[in-house]
Amino acid sequence: MVRHVHGAPERWVVTGGRGAGKTTFCRQAAALAHAAGLDAAGILSPARMEAGEKTGIYVADVRSGAQRLLAAETAGEVRGFPLGRWHFDPEAIRWADEVLARATPCDILIIDEIGPLELDLRRGLTAWESALNSGAYRAALVVVRCELAEEFGISRDVSASLTIASPQQALQAAEAFVRRFVEAV
């Protein structure tokens, strides 16, 4: 259930190094929000790990938990285009865009993550800007690569930024983040 609160919605930029826990933070924030009766929506981008190595990237719907393989290291595992070591599936990108297009209104909008594919190449997700610009949420969590955070923040009315340093810190930060919104109701 979306609880309308007076005031402008908050926009949080979440950054951190590779493997620091950015997705862990977003996943935990969504789980805690759902447990508290808040509507968290959007997408997560969890890693696919095999023998301790990242071999792919999923995209998951925060509301339903459904997920698709977004990118794979192995050419031919997905039909798509290469970027760096990854091969991206355009069908999974379209699906994620559909998830984002219907994510708002919600209490907490999660967009994990906006990277060079979106900001530099304009080839990845496209619905993220419409969802973010809708303002039909109390808070938005947008994961952005550290090197792109400044570029992202320019002219997007960012309320706060959070740098994730470790998975443990991610869990604690998620609890504190959601507590703010539960207590405000």
C-alpha atoms as a PDB file:
ATOM      1  CA  MET A   1       0.000   0.000   0.000  1.00  0.00           C
ATOM      2  CA  VAL A   2       1.401   3.393  -0.972  1.00  0.00           C
ATOM      3  CA  ARG A   3       1.314   5.864   1.876  1.00  0.00           C
ATOM      4  CA  HIS A   4       1.349   9.425   0.646  1.00  0.00           C
ATOM      5  CA  VAL A   5       3.463  11.713   2.756  1.00  0.00           C
ATOM      6  CA  HIS A   6       3.709  15.443   2.291  1.00  0.00           C
ATOM      7  CA  GLY A   7       6.929  16.718   0.828  1.00  0.00           C
ATOM      8  CA  ALA A   8       9.044  15.898  -2.156  1.00  0.00           C
ATOM      9  CA  PRO A   9      10.102  12.309  -2.704  1.00  0.00           C
ATOM     10  CA  GLU A  10      13.676  11.484  -1.769  1.00  0.00           C
ATOM     11  CA  ARG A  11      16.202  10.314  -4.331  1.00  0.00           C
ATOM     12  CA  TRP A  12      19.141   8.351  -2.986  1.00  0.00           C
ATOM     13  CA  VAL A  13      22.216   7.449  -5.034  1.00  0.00           C
ATOM     14  CA  VAL A  14      23.803   4.214  -3.837  1.00  0.00           C
ATOM     15  CA  THR A  15      27.423   3.598  -4.816  1.00  0.00           C
ATOM     16  CA  GLY A  16      30.231   1.266  -3.812  1.00  0.00           C
ATOM     17  CA  GLY A  17      32.925  -0.914  -5.257  1.00  0.00           C
ATOM     18  CA  ARG A  18      32.350  -4.187  -7.047  1.00  0.00           C
ATOM     19  CA  GLY A  19      31.136  -6.800  -4.555  1.00  0.00           C
ATOM     20  CA  ALA A  20      30.695  -4.243  -1.757  1.00  0.00           C
ATOM     21  CA  GLY A  21      27.011  -5.042  -1.222  1.00  0.00           C
ATOM     22  CA  LYS A  22      24.982  -2.539  -3.268  1.00  0.00           C
ATOM     23  CA  THR A  23      22.502  -5.175  -4.402  1.00  0.00           C
ATOM     24  CA  THR A  24      22.525  -6.688  -0.908  1.00  0.00           C
ATOM     25  CA  PHE A  25      21.507  -3.276   0.444  1.00  0.00           C
ATOM     26  CA  CYS A  26      18.679  -2.915  -2.090  1.00  0.00           C
ATOM     27  CA  ARG A  27      17.439  -6.490  -1.613  1.00  0.00           C
ATOM     28  CA  GLN A  28      17.420  -6.097   2.192  1.00  0.00           C
ATOM     29  CA  ALA A  29      15.698  -2.700   1.978  1.00  0.00           C
ATOM     30  CA  ALA A  30      12.999  -4.253  -0.229  1.00  0.00           C
ATOM     31  CA  ALA A  31      12.521  -7.229   2.101  1.00  0.00           C
ATOM     32  CA  LEU A  32      12.289  -5.028   5.198  1.00  0.00           C
ATOM     33  CA  ALA A  33       9.920  -2.622   3.437  1.00  0.00           C
ATOM     34  CA  HIS A  34       7.647  -5.478   2.367  1.00  0.00           C
ATOM     35  CA  ALA A  35       7.722  -6.927   5.898  1.00  0.00           C
ATOM     36  CA  ALA A  36       6.654  -3.523   7.251  1.00  0.00           C
ATOM     37  CA  GLY A  37       3.726  -3.294   4.830  1.00  0.00           C
ATOM     38  CA  LEU A  38       5.401  -0.829   2.464  1.00  0.00           C
ATOM     39  CA  ASP A  39       5.334  -1.259  -1.299  1.00  0.00           C
ATOM     40  CA  ALA A  40       8.870  -1.629  -2.683  1.00  0.00           C
ATOM     41  CA  ALA A  41       9.079  -1.979  -6.458  1.00  0.00           C
ATOM     42  CA  GLY A  42      11.583  -1.830  -9.276  1.00  0.00           C
ATOM     43  CA  ILE A  43      14.510  -4.020 -10.242  1.00  0.00           C
ATOM     44  CA  LEU A  44      17.505  -5.695  -8.650  1.00  0.00           C
ATOM     45  CA  SER A  45      20.604  -6.914 -10.484  1.00  0.00           C
ATOM     46  CA  PRO A  46      21.985  -9.836  -8.466  1.00  0.00           C
ATOM     47  CA  ALA A  47      25.101 -11.631  -9.633  1.00  0.00           C
ATOM     48  CA  ARG A  48      25.084 -15.218 -10.821  1.00  0.00           C
ATOM     49  CA  MET A  49      27.918 -16.906  -8.973  1.00  0.00           C
ATOM     50  CA  GLU A  50      29.523 -20.211  -9.941  1.00  0.00           C
ATOM     51  CA  ALA A  51      32.422 -21.632  -7.900  1.00  0.00           C
ATOM     52  CA  GLY A  52      32.881 -18.227  -6.267  1.00  0.00           C
ATOM     53  CA  GLU A  53      33.159 -16.383  -9.585  1.00  0.00           C
ATOM     54  CA  LYS A  54      30.658 -13.977 -11.105  1.00  0.00           C
ATOM     55  CA  THR A  55      29.551 -15.501 -14.400  1.00  0.00           C
ATOM     56  CA  GLY A  56      26.360 -13.588 -15.060  1.00  0.00           C
ATOM     57  CA  ILE A  57      23.953 -10.903 -13.988  1.00  0.00           C
ATOM     58  CA  TYR A  58      20.261 -11.434 -13.374  1.00  0.00           C
ATOM     59  CA  VAL A  59      17.565  -8.798 -13.388  1.00  0.00           C
ATOM     60  CA  ALA A  60      14.792  -9.355 -10.838  1.00  0.00           C
ATOM     61  CA  ASP A  61      11.383  -7.778 -10.264  1.00  0.00           C
ATOM     62  CA  VAL A  62      11.343  -6.439  -6.683  1.00  0.00           C
ATOM     63  CA  ARG A  63       7.583  -7.010  -6.282  1.00  0.00           C
ATOM     64  CA  SER A  64       7.231 -10.509  -7.702  1.00  0.00           C
ATOM     65  CA  GLY A  65      10.729 -11.947  -7.363  1.00  0.00           C
ATOM     66  CA  ALA A  66      10.648 -13.122 -10.986  1.00  0.00           C
ATOM     67  CA  GLN A  67      14.019 -12.865 -12.671  1.00  0.00           C
ATOM     68  CA  ARG A  68      15.755 -13.243 -16.020  1.00  0.00           C
ATOM     69  CA  LEU A  69      19.368 -13.657 -17.042  1.00  0.00           C
ATOM     70  CA  LEU A  70      20.424 -10.168 -18.134  1.00  0.00           C
ATOM     71  CA  ALA A  71      24.051 -10.774 -19.022  1.00  0.00           C
ATOM     72  CA  ALA A  72      26.490 -13.645 -19.268  1.00  0.00           C
ATOM     73  CA  GLU A  73      30.225 -13.916 -19.620  1.00  0.00           C
ATOM     74  CA  THR A  74      29.995 -16.708 -22.151  1.00  0.00           C
ATOM     75  CA  ALA A  75      29.225 -15.617 -25.693  1.00  0.00           C
ATOM     76  CA  GLY A  76      26.190 -17.482 -26.993  1.00  0.00           C
ATOM     77  CA  GLU A  77      24.617 -18.076 -23.592  1.00  0.00           C
ATOM     78  CA  VAL A  78      22.380 -15.087 -24.275  1.00  0.00           C
ATOM     79  CA  ARG A  79      21.496 -13.644 -27.642  1.00  0.00           C
ATOM     80  CA  GLY A  80      22.630 -10.093 -27.522  1.00  0.00           C
ATOM     81  CA  PHE A  81      25.394  -7.591 -27.695  1.00  0.00           C
ATOM     82  CA  PRO A  82      28.763  -7.449 -25.933  1.00  0.00           C
ATOM     83  CA  LEU A  83      29.965  -4.756 -23.539  1.00  0.00           C
ATOM     84  CA  GLY A  84      33.262  -5.413 -21.833  1.00  0.00           C
ATOM     85  CA  ARG A  85      33.283  -8.990 -20.569  1.00  0.00           C
ATOM     86  CA  TRP A  86      29.469  -9.271 -20.640  1.00  0.00           C
ATOM     87  CA  HIS A  87      26.990 -10.221 -23.341  1.00  0.00           C
ATOM     88  CA  PHE A  88      23.612  -8.543 -22.718  1.00  0.00           C
ATOM     89  CA  ASP A  89      20.215  -9.980 -23.611  1.00  0.00           C
ATOM     90  CA  PRO A  90      17.965  -7.343 -25.240  1.00  0.00           C
ATOM     91  CA  GLU A  91      14.842  -9.365 -24.295  1.00  0.00           C
ATOM     92  CA  ALA A  92      15.798  -9.267 -20.606  1.00  0.00           C
ATOM     93  CA  ILE A  93      16.400  -5.525 -20.917  1.00  0.00           C
ATOM     94  CA  ARG A  94      12.925  -5.060 -22.450  1.00  0.00           C
ATOM     95  CA  TRP A  95      11.391  -7.149 -19.665  1.00  0.00           C
ATOM     96  CA  ALA A  96      13.189  -5.047 -17.008  1.00  0.00           C
ATOM     97  CA  ASP A  97      11.930  -1.884 -18.705  1.00  0.00           C
ATOM     98  CA  GLU A  98       8.361  -3.240 -18.472  1.00  0.00           C
ATOM     99  CA  VAL A  99       8.889  -3.937 -14.760  1.00  0.00           C
ATOM    100  CA  LEU A 100      10.141  -0.380 -14.230  1.00  0.00           C
ATOM    101  CA  ALA A 101       7.319   1.113 -16.300  1.00  0.00           C
ATOM    102  CA  ARG A 102       4.749  -0.375 -13.898  1.00  0.00           C
ATOM    103  CA  ALA A 103       6.790   0.083 -10.688  1.00  0.00           C
ATOM    104  CA  THR A 104       5.247   3.406  -9.703  1.00  0.00           C
ATOM    105  CA  PRO A 105       3.349   4.407  -7.691  1.00  0.00           C
ATOM    106  CA  CYS A 106       5.131   2.756  -4.776  1.00  0.00           C
ATOM    107  CA  ASP A 107       6.651   3.638  -1.430  1.00  0.00           C
ATOM    108  CA  ILE A 108      10.225   2.719  -2.326  1.00  0.00           C
ATOM    109  CA  LEU A 109      11.430   2.592  -5.924  1.00  0.00           C
ATOM    110  CA  ILE A 110      14.585   0.543  -6.476  1.00  0.00           C
ATOM    111  CA  ILE A 111      16.678   0.829  -9.627  1.00  0.00           C
ATOM    112  CA  ASP A 112      19.703  -1.465  -9.397  1.00  0.00           C
ATOM    113  CA  GLU A 113      21.740  -0.420 -11.412  1.00  0.00           C
ATOM    114  CA  ILE A 114      22.343   2.390 -13.866  1.00  0.00           C
ATOM    115  CA  GLY A 115      25.705   1.988 -15.544  1.00  0.00           C
ATOM    116  CA  PRO A 116      27.644   2.898 -18.664  1.00  0.00           C
ATOM    117  CA  LEU A 117      25.158   0.972 -20.798  1.00  0.00           C
ATOM    118  CA  GLU A 118      22.441   3.462 -19.815  1.00  0.00           C
ATOM    119  CA  LEU A 119      24.355   6.690 -19.208  1.00  0.00           C
ATOM    120  CA  ASP A 120      27.090   6.509 -21.835  1.00  0.00           C
ATOM    121  CA  LEU A 121      25.714   4.268 -24.572  1.00  0.00           C
ATOM    122  CA  ARG A 122      21.926   4.819 -24.114  1.00  0.00           C
ATOM    123  CA  ARG A 123      21.541   1.124 -24.943  1.00  0.00           C
ATOM    124  CA  GLY A 124      20.291  -0.481 -21.760  1.00  0.00           C
ATOM    125  CA  LEU A 125      17.300   0.326 -19.612  1.00  0.00           C
ATOM    126  CA  THR A 126      15.242   3.271 -20.796  1.00  0.00           C
ATOM    127  CA  ALA A 127      12.240   3.260 -18.413  1.00  0.00           C
ATOM    128  CA  TRP A 128      14.373   4.153 -15.375  1.00  0.00           C
ATOM    129  CA  GLU A 129      14.245   7.891 -16.135  1.00  0.00           C
ATOM    130  CA  SER A 130      10.450   7.952 -16.471  1.00  0.00           C
ATOM    131  CA  ALA A 131      10.011   5.992 -13.248  1.00  0.00           C
ATOM    132  CA  LEU A 132      12.448   8.247 -11.404  1.00  0.00           C
ATOM    133  CA  ASN A 133      11.009  11.461 -12.850  1.00  0.00           C
ATOM    134  CA  SER A 134       7.438  10.406 -12.013  1.00  0.00           C
ATOM    135  CA  GLY A 135       7.974  11.255  -8.346  1.00  0.00           C
ATOM    136  CA  ALA A 136       5.292   8.655  -7.552  1.00  0.00           C
ATOM    137  CA  TYR A 137       7.233   7.207  -4.622  1.00  0.00           C
ATOM    138  CA  ARG A 138       8.401   8.275  -1.176  1.00  0.00           C
ATOM    139  CA  ALA A 139      12.021   7.350  -1.827  1.00  0.00           C
ATOM    140  CA  ALA A 140      14.019   6.064  -4.761  1.00  0.00           C
ATOM    141  CA  LEU A 141      17.203   4.055  -4.384  1.00  0.00           C
ATOM    142  CA  VAL A 142      19.305   4.240  -7.542  1.00  0.00           C
ATOM    143  CA  VAL A 143      22.487   2.188  -7.732  1.00  0.00           C
ATOM    144  CA  VAL A 144      25.113   3.930  -9.844  1.00  0.00           C
ATOM    145  CA  ARG A 145      28.724   3.021 -10.476  1.00  0.00           C
ATOM    146  CA  CYS A 146      31.117   5.197  -8.447  1.00  0.00           C
ATOM    147  CA  GLU A 147      32.710   6.599 -11.579  1.00  0.00           C
ATOM    148  CA  LEU A 148      29.288   7.660 -12.900  1.00  0.00           C
ATOM    149  CA  ALA A 149      27.781   9.049  -9.678  1.00  0.00           C
ATOM    150  CA  GLU A 150      28.629  12.669 -10.408  1.00  0.00           C
ATOM    151  CA  GLU A 151      27.361  12.433 -13.984  1.00  0.00           C
ATOM    152  CA  PHE A 152      24.161  10.813 -12.717  1.00  0.00           C
ATOM    153  CA  GLY A 153      23.579  13.320  -9.912  1.00  0.00           C
ATOM    154  CA  ILE A 154      23.824  16.414 -12.079  1.00  0.00           C
ATOM    155  CA  SER A 155      20.304  17.826 -12.552  1.00  0.00           C
ATOM    156  CA  ARG A 156      18.527  14.862 -10.948  1.00  0.00           C
ATOM    157  CA  ASP A 157      17.723  16.439  -7.589  1.00  0.00           C
ATOM    158  CA  VAL A 158      19.567  13.874  -5.489  1.00  0.00           C
ATOM    159  CA  SER A 159      18.550  14.020  -1.802  1.00  0.00           C
ATOM    160  CA  ALA A 160      21.310  11.844  -0.405  1.00  0.00           C
ATOM    161  CA  SER A 161      24.091   9.506  -1.363  1.00  0.00           C
ATOM    162  CA  LEU A 162      25.154   6.318   0.341  1.00  0.00           C
ATOM    163  CA  THR A 163      28.422   4.496  -0.280  1.00  0.00           C
ATOM    164  CA  ILE A 164      28.313   0.821   0.541  1.00  0.00           C
ATOM    165  CA  ALA A 165      31.634  -0.542   1.797  1.00  0.00           C
ATOM    166  CA  SER A 166      30.775  -4.116   2.835  1.00  0.00           C
ATOM    167  CA  PRO A 167      27.870  -6.569   2.846  1.00  0.00           C
ATOM    168  CA  GLN A 168      27.574  -6.205   6.650  1.00  0.00           C
ATOM    169  CA  GLN A 169      27.344  -2.415   6.383  1.00  0.00           C
ATOM    170  CA  ALA A 170      24.803  -2.880   3.569  1.00  0.00           C
ATOM    171  CA  LEU A 171      22.493  -4.852   5.874  1.00  0.00           C
ATOM    172  CA  GLN A 172      22.770  -2.273   8.661  1.00  0.00           C
ATOM    173  CA  ALA A 173      22.213   0.621   6.259  1.00  0.00           C
ATOM    174  CA  ALA A 174      19.113  -1.055   4.806  1.00  0.00           C
ATOM    175  CA  GLU A 175      17.624  -1.453   8.262  1.00  0.00           C
ATOM    176  CA  ALA A 176      18.251   2.214   9.113  1.00  0.00           C
ATOM    177  CA  PHE A 177      16.920   3.356   5.725  1.00  0.00           C
ATOM    178  CA  VAL A 178      13.611   1.473   6.023  1.00  0.00           C
ATOM    179  CA  ARG A 179      13.173   2.386   9.688  1.00  0.00           C
ATOM    180  CA  ARG A 180      13.037   6.076   8.684  1.00  0.00           C
ATOM    181  CA  PHE A 181      10.019   5.439   6.471  1.00  0.00           C
ATOM    182  CA  VAL A 182       8.228   3.088   8.852  1.00  0.00           C
ATOM    183  CA  GLU A 183       8.549   5.604  11.698  1.00  0.00           C
ATOM    184  CA  ALA A 184       7.311   8.434   9.463  1.00  0.00           C
ATOM    185  CA  VAL A 185       3.978   6.713   8.822  1.00  0.00           C
END
